[in-house]
Amino acid sequence: MTRVVMARPAQVVHRGMELIGHPYAEVVAAARRQGVTVVEREAELVFPESGFSVWTARAGDDALPIVAAALGWHDA
């Protein structure tokens, strides 16, 4: 697998949702409101239909912000 990873100061927007810097739980809720498929993994949200994922610093705290986005192919 090849990944390109972006972190601050990059701005990553998907379907109008800003991702980096926003709390994990808010990103999940926004995606689901828009009907976007999102798969929750440990400290990672995978957007399988779009081929990217976003990461938070550690699992277990949904208030932590998304700190990076990785482009590439992911199995759901």
PDB file of N, CA and C in Angstrom:
ATOM      1  N   MET A   1       0.841  -1.172   0.000  1.00  0.00           N
ATOM      2  CA  MET A   1       0.000   0.000   0.000  1.00  0.00           C
ATOM      3  C   MET A   1       0.891   1.242   0.000  1.00  0.00           C
ATOM      4  N   THR A   2       0.496   2.218  -0.766  1.00  0.00           N
ATOM      5  CA  THR A   2       1.176   3.506  -0.782  1.00  0.00           C
ATOM      6  C   THR A   2       0.270   4.530  -0.114  1.00  0.00           C
ATOM      7  N   ARG A   3       0.837   5.315   0.772  1.00  0.00           N
ATOM      8  CA  ARG A   3       0.065   6.354   1.451  1.00  0.00           C
ATOM      9  C   ARG A   3       0.773   7.692   1.325  1.00  0.00           C
ATOM     10  N   VAL A   4      -0.019   8.727   1.176  1.00  0.00           N
ATOM     11  CA  VAL A   4       0.459  10.093   1.272  1.00  0.00           C
ATOM     12  C   VAL A   4      -0.226  10.665   2.501  1.00  0.00           C
ATOM     13  N   VAL A   5       0.553  11.131   3.466  1.00  0.00           N
ATOM     14  CA  VAL A   5       0.000  11.619   4.731  1.00  0.00           C
ATOM     15  C   VAL A   5       0.147  13.129   4.814  1.00  0.00           C
ATOM     16  N   MET A   6      -0.928  13.789   5.232  1.00  0.00           N
ATOM     17  CA  MET A   6      -0.936  15.237   5.401  1.00  0.00           C
ATOM     18  C   MET A   6      -1.293  15.576   6.843  1.00  0.00           C
ATOM     19  N   ALA A   7      -0.618  16.554   7.378  1.00  0.00           N
ATOM     20  CA  ALA A   7      -0.906  17.047   8.730  1.00  0.00           C
ATOM     21  C   ALA A   7      -0.883  18.572   8.679  1.00  0.00           C
ATOM     22  N   ARG A   8      -1.125  19.199   9.809  1.00  0.00           N
ATOM     23  CA  ARG A   8      -1.092  20.665   9.832  1.00  0.00           C
ATOM     24  C   ARG A   8       0.242  21.169   9.329  1.00  0.00           C
ATOM     25  N   PRO A   9       0.280  22.227   8.598  1.00  0.00           N
ATOM     26  CA  PRO A   9      -0.776  23.206   8.363  1.00  0.00           C
ATOM     27  C   PRO A   9      -1.703  22.886   7.202  1.00  0.00           C
ATOM     28  N   ALA A  10      -1.668  21.682   6.672  1.00  0.00           N
ATOM     29  CA  ALA A  10      -2.549  21.320   5.563  1.00  0.00           C
ATOM     30  C   ALA A  10      -4.007  21.419   5.982  1.00  0.00           C
ATOM     31  N   GLN A  11      -4.833  21.770   5.031  1.00  0.00           N
ATOM     32  CA  GLN A  11      -6.277  21.773   5.253  1.00  0.00           C
ATOM     33  C   GLN A  11      -6.848  20.650   4.398  1.00  0.00           C
ATOM     34  N   VAL A  12      -7.591  19.757   5.022  1.00  0.00           N
ATOM     35  CA  VAL A  12      -8.193  18.637   4.307  1.00  0.00           C
ATOM     36  C   VAL A  12      -9.706  18.763   4.456  1.00  0.00           C
ATOM     37  N   VAL A  13     -10.392  18.847   3.317  1.00  0.00           N
ATOM     38  CA  VAL A  13     -11.841  19.011   3.304  1.00  0.00           C
ATOM     39  C   VAL A  13     -12.436  17.904   2.440  1.00  0.00           C
ATOM     40  N   HIS A  14     -13.466  17.262   2.948  1.00  0.00           N
ATOM     41  CA  HIS A  14     -14.171  16.224   2.195  1.00  0.00           C
ATOM     42  C   HIS A  14     -15.660  16.509   2.261  1.00  0.00           C
ATOM     43  N   ARG A  15     -16.262  16.705   1.098  1.00  0.00           N
ATOM     44  CA  ARG A  15     -17.697  17.000   1.010  1.00  0.00           C
ATOM     45  C   ARG A  15     -18.102  18.143   1.935  1.00  0.00           C
ATOM     46  N   GLY A  16     -17.263  19.158   1.981  1.00  0.00           N
ATOM     47  CA  GLY A  16     -17.539  20.338   2.790  1.00  0.00           C
ATOM     48  C   GLY A  16     -17.162  20.219   4.256  1.00  0.00           C
ATOM     49  N   MET A  17     -16.695  19.046   4.669  1.00  0.00           N
ATOM     50  CA  MET A  17     -16.307  18.839   6.066  1.00  0.00           C
ATOM     51  C   MET A  17     -14.811  19.075   6.208  1.00  0.00           C
ATOM     52  N   GLU A  18     -14.432  20.034   7.060  1.00  0.00           N
ATOM     53  CA  GLU A  18     -13.015  20.181   7.385  1.00  0.00           C
ATOM     54  C   GLU A  18     -12.674  19.069   8.356  1.00  0.00           C
ATOM     55  N   LEU A  19     -11.531  18.433   8.143  1.00  0.00           N
ATOM     56  CA  LEU A  19     -11.197  17.259   8.935  1.00  0.00           C
ATOM     57  C   LEU A  19     -10.081  17.513   9.940  1.00  0.00           C
ATOM     58  N   ILE A  20      -8.934  17.955   9.510  1.00  0.00           N
ATOM     59  CA  ILE A  20      -7.797  18.134  10.425  1.00  0.00           C
ATOM     60  C   ILE A  20      -8.106  19.251  11.414  1.00  0.00           C
ATOM     61  N   GLY A  21      -7.903  18.937  12.690  1.00  0.00           N
ATOM     62  CA  GLY A  21      -8.141  19.908  13.749  1.00  0.00           C
ATOM     63  C   GLY A  21      -9.521  19.808  14.375  1.00  0.00           C
ATOM     64  N   HIS A  22     -10.399  19.024  13.793  1.00  0.00           N
ATOM     65  CA  HIS A  22     -11.750  18.881  14.336  1.00  0.00           C
ATOM     66  C   HIS A  22     -11.858  17.596  15.147  1.00  0.00           C
ATOM     67  N   PRO A  23     -12.648  17.621  16.237  1.00  0.00           N
ATOM     68  CA  PRO A  23     -12.760  16.445  17.093  1.00  0.00           C
ATOM     69  C   PRO A  23     -13.268  15.208  16.343  1.00  0.00           C
ATOM     70  N   TYR A  24     -12.698  14.082  16.689  1.00  0.00           N
ATOM     71  CA  TYR A  24     -13.039  12.784  16.112  1.00  0.00           C
ATOM     72  C   TYR A  24     -14.552  12.581  16.075  1.00  0.00           C
ATOM     73  N   ALA A  25     -15.220  12.794  17.213  1.00  0.00           N
ATOM     74  CA  ALA A  25     -16.666  12.565  17.299  1.00  0.00           C
ATOM     75  C   ALA A  25     -17.439  13.485  16.365  1.00  0.00           C
ATOM     76  N   GLU A  26     -16.996  14.721  16.209  1.00  0.00           N
ATOM     77  CA  GLU A  26     -17.670  15.661  15.304  1.00  0.00           C
ATOM     78  C   GLU A  26     -17.523  15.225  13.850  1.00  0.00           C
ATOM     79  N   VAL A  27     -16.363  14.708  13.493  1.00  0.00           N
ATOM     80  CA  VAL A  27     -16.146  14.239  12.123  1.00  0.00           C
ATOM     81  C   VAL A  27     -17.037  13.035  11.838  1.00  0.00           C
ATOM     82  N   VAL A  28     -17.131  12.111  12.788  1.00  0.00           N
ATOM     83  CA  VAL A  28     -18.004  10.945  12.624  1.00  0.00           C
ATOM     84  C   VAL A  28     -19.448  11.398  12.444  1.00  0.00           C
ATOM     85  N   ALA A  29     -19.914  12.281  13.308  1.00  0.00           N
ATOM     86  CA  ALA A  29     -21.300  12.751  13.241  1.00  0.00           C
ATOM     87  C   ALA A  29     -21.587  13.481  11.929  1.00  0.00           C
ATOM     88  N   ALA A  30     -20.672  14.337  11.497  1.00  0.00           N
ATOM     89  CA  ALA A  30     -20.865  15.076  10.246  1.00  0.00           C
ATOM     90  C   ALA A  30     -20.922  14.133   9.051  1.00  0.00           C
ATOM     91  N   ALA A  31     -20.047  13.143   9.039  1.00  0.00           N
ATOM     92  CA  ALA A  31     -20.039  12.174   7.938  1.00  0.00           C
ATOM     93  C   ALA A  31     -21.364  11.406   7.899  1.00  0.00           C
ATOM     94  N   ARG A  32     -21.819  10.955   9.032  1.00  0.00           N
ATOM     95  CA  ARG A  32     -23.062  10.167   9.078  1.00  0.00           C
ATOM     96  C   ARG A  32     -24.274  11.013   8.698  1.00  0.00           C
ATOM     97  N   ARG A  33     -24.283  12.285   9.096  1.00  0.00           N
ATOM     98  CA  ARG A  33     -25.388  13.170   8.690  1.00  0.00           C
ATOM     99  C   ARG A  33     -25.464  13.292   7.175  1.00  0.00           C
ATOM    100  N   GLN A  34     -24.314  13.250   6.519  1.00  0.00           N
ATOM    101  CA  GLN A  34     -24.277  13.378   5.058  1.00  0.00           C
ATOM    102  C   GLN A  34     -24.434  12.039   4.349  1.00  0.00           C
ATOM    103  N   GLY A  35     -24.567  10.964   5.106  1.00  0.00           N
ATOM    104  CA  GLY A  35     -24.706   9.650   4.507  1.00  0.00           C
ATOM    105  C   GLY A  35     -23.402   9.084   3.984  1.00  0.00           C
ATOM    106  N   VAL A  36     -22.280   9.606   4.477  1.00  0.00           N
ATOM    107  CA  VAL A  36     -20.957   9.137   4.073  1.00  0.00           C
ATOM    108  C   VAL A  36     -20.594   7.914   4.904  1.00  0.00           C
ATOM    109  N   THR A  37     -20.158   6.858   4.243  1.00  0.00           N
ATOM    110  CA  THR A  37     -19.719   5.664   4.960  1.00  0.00           C
ATOM    111  C   THR A  37     -18.398   5.947   5.646  1.00  0.00           C
ATOM    112  N   VAL A  38     -18.345   5.688   6.943  1.00  0.00           N
ATOM    113  CA  VAL A  38     -17.121   5.861   7.714  1.00  0.00           C
ATOM    114  C   VAL A  38     -16.980   4.649   8.627  1.00  0.00           C
ATOM    115  N   VAL A  39     -15.790   4.056   8.612  1.00  0.00           N
ATOM    116  CA  VAL A  39     -15.510   2.878   9.427  1.00  0.00           C
ATOM    117  C   VAL A  39     -14.579   3.294  10.556  1.00  0.00           C
ATOM    118  N   GLU A  40     -15.003   3.057  11.791  1.00  0.00           N
ATOM    119  CA  GLU A  40     -14.189   3.419  12.938  1.00  0.00           C
ATOM    120  C   GLU A  40     -13.226   2.290  13.277  1.00  0.00           C
ATOM    121  N   ARG A  41     -11.952   2.654  13.376  1.00  0.00           N
ATOM    122  CA  ARG A  41     -10.911   1.731  13.818  1.00  0.00           C
ATOM    123  C   ARG A  41     -10.177   2.402  14.973  1.00  0.00           C
ATOM    124  N   GLU A  42      -9.191   1.734  15.512  1.00  0.00           N
ATOM    125  CA  GLU A  42      -8.454   2.293  16.637  1.00  0.00           C
ATOM    126  C   GLU A  42      -7.709   3.542  16.205  1.00  0.00           C
ATOM    127  N   ALA A  43      -8.147   4.703  16.704  1.00  0.00           N
ATOM    128  CA  ALA A  43      -7.546   6.010  16.425  1.00  0.00           C
ATOM    129  C   ALA A  43      -7.586   6.383  14.945  1.00  0.00           C
ATOM    130  N   GLU A  44      -8.520   5.789  14.189  1.00  0.00           N
ATOM    131  CA  GLU A  44      -8.589   6.024  12.745  1.00  0.00           C
ATOM    132  C   GLU A  44     -10.036   5.958  12.275  1.00  0.00           C
ATOM    133  N   LEU A  45     -10.363   6.833  11.341  1.00  0.00           N
ATOM    134  CA  LEU A  45     -11.638   6.773  10.635  1.00  0.00           C
ATOM    135  C   LEU A  45     -11.324   6.514   9.175  1.00  0.00           C
ATOM    136  N   VAL A  46     -11.906   5.482   8.616  1.00  0.00           N
ATOM    137  CA  VAL A  46     -11.672   5.131   7.221  1.00  0.00           C
ATOM    138  C   VAL A  46     -12.898   5.526   6.403  1.00  0.00           C
ATOM    139  N   PHE A  47     -12.649   6.220   5.309  1.00  0.00           N
ATOM    140  CA  PHE A  47     -13.679   6.599   4.351  1.00  0.00           C
ATOM    141  C   PHE A  47     -13.489   5.675   3.133  1.00  0.00           C
ATOM    142  N   PRO A  48     -14.005   4.444   3.196  1.00  0.00           N
ATOM    143  CA  PRO A  48     -13.676   3.434   2.181  1.00  0.00           C
ATOM    144  C   PRO A  48     -14.113   3.794   0.771  1.00  0.00           C
ATOM    145  N   GLU A  49     -15.217   4.485   0.629  1.00  0.00           N
ATOM    146  CA  GLU A  49     -15.701   4.834  -0.708  1.00  0.00           C
ATOM    147  C   GLU A  49     -14.855   5.926  -1.355  1.00  0.00           C
ATOM    148  N   SER A  50     -14.102   6.651  -0.539  1.00  0.00           N
ATOM    149  CA  SER A  50     -13.277   7.747  -1.051  1.00  0.00           C
ATOM    150  C   SER A  50     -11.790   7.425  -1.039  1.00  0.00           C
ATOM    151  N   GLY A  51     -11.392   6.322  -0.407  1.00  0.00           N
ATOM    152  CA  GLY A  51     -10.008   5.875  -0.439  1.00  0.00           C
ATOM    153  C   GLY A  51      -9.050   6.639   0.444  1.00  0.00           C
ATOM    154  N   PHE A  52      -9.524   7.138   1.586  1.00  0.00           N
ATOM    155  CA  PHE A  52      -8.618   7.811   2.515  1.00  0.00           C
ATOM    156  C   PHE A  52      -9.055   7.539   3.941  1.00  0.00           C
ATOM    157  N   SER A  53      -8.169   7.885   4.874  1.00  0.00           N
ATOM    158  CA  SER A  53      -8.506   7.779   6.291  1.00  0.00           C
ATOM    159  C   SER A  53      -7.963   8.999   7.017  1.00  0.00           C
ATOM    160  N   VAL A  54      -8.484   9.226   8.209  1.00  0.00           N
ATOM    161  CA  VAL A  54      -7.978  10.291   9.077  1.00  0.00           C
ATOM    162  C   VAL A  54      -7.646   9.671  10.420  1.00  0.00           C
ATOM    163  N   TRP A  55      -6.693  10.273  11.095  1.00  0.00           N
ATOM    164  CA  TRP A  55      -6.191   9.721  12.357  1.00  0.00           C
ATOM    165  C   TRP A  55      -6.268  10.747  13.470  1.00  0.00           C
ATOM    166  N   THR A  56      -6.462  10.230  14.678  1.00  0.00           N
ATOM    167  CA  THR A  56      -6.352  11.044  15.874  1.00  0.00           C
ATOM    168  C   THR A  56      -5.116  10.569  16.642  1.00  0.00           C
ATOM    169  N   ALA A  57      -4.726  11.294  17.677  1.00  0.00           N
ATOM    170  CA  ALA A  57      -3.484  10.981  18.387  1.00  0.00           C
ATOM    171  C   ALA A  57      -3.527   9.639  19.105  1.00  0.00           C
ATOM    172  N   ARG A  58      -4.692   9.259  19.641  1.00  0.00           N
ATOM    173  CA  ARG A  58      -4.818   7.959  20.316  1.00  0.00           C
ATOM    174  C   ARG A  58      -6.287   7.585  20.390  1.00  0.00           C
ATOM    175  N   ALA A  59      -6.526   6.331  20.528  1.00  0.00           N
ATOM    176  CA  ALA A  59      -7.891   5.808  20.613  1.00  0.00           C
ATOM    177  C   ALA A  59      -8.487   6.070  21.992  1.00  0.00           C
ATOM    178  N   GLY A  60      -9.811   6.083  22.039  1.00  0.00           N
ATOM    179  CA  GLY A  60     -10.498   6.135  23.313  1.00  0.00           C
ATOM    180  C   GLY A  60     -10.968   7.493  23.768  1.00  0.00           C
ATOM    181  N   ASP A  61     -10.600   8.557  23.081  1.00  0.00           N
ATOM    182  CA  ASP A  61     -11.043   9.890  23.465  1.00  0.00           C
ATOM    183  C   ASP A  61     -11.599  10.571  22.224  1.00  0.00           C
ATOM    184  N   ASP A  62     -12.913  10.510  22.060  1.00  0.00           N
ATOM    185  CA  ASP A  62     -13.562  11.059  20.874  1.00  0.00           C
ATOM    186  C   ASP A  62     -13.494  12.580  20.784  1.00  0.00           C
ATOM    187  N   ALA A  63     -13.038  13.236  21.858  1.00  0.00           N
ATOM    188  CA  ALA A  63     -12.898  14.691  21.832  1.00  0.00           C
ATOM    189  C   ALA A  63     -11.565  15.134  21.215  1.00  0.00           C
ATOM    190  N   LEU A  64     -10.634  14.188  21.072  1.00  0.00           N
ATOM    191  CA  LEU A  64      -9.341  14.540  20.476  1.00  0.00           C
ATOM    192  C   LEU A  64      -9.517  14.904  19.009  1.00  0.00           C
ATOM    193  N   PRO A  65      -8.722  15.854  18.535  1.00  0.00           N
ATOM    194  CA  PRO A  65      -8.865  16.264  17.143  1.00  0.00           C
ATOM    195  C   PRO A  65      -8.229  15.279  16.169  1.00  0.00           C
ATOM    196  N   ILE A  66      -8.691  15.359  14.951  1.00  0.00           N
ATOM    197  CA  ILE A  66      -8.055  14.649  13.852  1.00  0.00           C
ATOM    198  C   ILE A  66      -6.730  15.363  13.592  1.00  0.00           C
ATOM    199  N   VAL A  67      -5.634  14.606  13.524  1.00  0.00           N
ATOM    200  CA  VAL A  67      -4.312  15.218  13.381  1.00  0.00           C
ATOM    201  C   VAL A  67      -3.670  14.971  12.022  1.00  0.00           C
ATOM    202  N   ALA A  68      -4.200  14.013  11.256  1.00  0.00           N
ATOM    203  CA  ALA A  68      -3.597  13.718   9.956  1.00  0.00           C
ATOM    204  C   ALA A  68      -4.612  13.019   9.060  1.00  0.00           C
ATOM    205  N   ALA A  69      -4.371  13.125   7.768  1.00  0.00           N
ATOM    206  CA  ALA A  69      -5.173  12.412   6.780  1.00  0.00           C
ATOM    207  C   ALA A  69      -4.226  11.633   5.889  1.00  0.00           C
ATOM    208  N   ALA A  70      -4.615  10.422   5.540  1.00  0.00           N
ATOM    209  CA  ALA A  70      -3.789   9.568   4.695  1.00  0.00           C
ATOM    210  C   ALA A  70      -4.579   9.181   3.457  1.00  0.00           C
ATOM    211  N   LEU A  71      -4.000   9.452   2.310  1.00  0.00           N
ATOM    212  CA  LEU A  71      -4.618   9.075   1.044  1.00  0.00           C
ATOM    213  C   LEU A  71      -4.021   7.761   0.583  1.00  0.00           C
ATOM    214  N   GLY A  72      -4.840   6.905   0.084  1.00  0.00           N
ATOM    215  CA  GLY A  72      -4.392   5.613  -0.394  1.00  0.00           C
ATOM    216  C   GLY A  72      -5.565   4.667  -0.424  1.00  0.00           C
ATOM    217  N   TRP A  73      -5.303   3.415  -0.696  1.00  0.00           N
ATOM    218  CA  TRP A  73      -6.397   2.443  -0.733  1.00  0.00           C
ATOM    219  C   TRP A  73      -6.461   1.708   0.595  1.00  0.00           C
ATOM    220  N   HIS A  74      -7.673   1.576   1.117  1.00  0.00           N
ATOM    221  CA  HIS A  74      -7.897   0.906   2.399  1.00  0.00           C
ATOM    222  C   HIS A  74      -8.985  -0.134   2.242  1.00  0.00           C
ATOM    223  N   ASP A  75      -8.787  -1.300   2.790  1.00  0.00           N
ATOM    224  CA  ASP A  75      -9.848  -2.291   2.848  1.00  0.00           C
ATOM    225  C   ASP A  75     -10.758  -1.945   4.009  1.00  0.00           C
ATOM    226  N   ALA A  76     -12.048  -1.995   3.797  1.00  0.00           N
ATOM    227  CA  ALA A  76     -12.998  -1.607   4.843  1.00  0.00           C
ATOM    228  C   ALA A  76     -13.153  -2.663   5.897  1.00  0.00           C
TER     229      ALA A  76
END
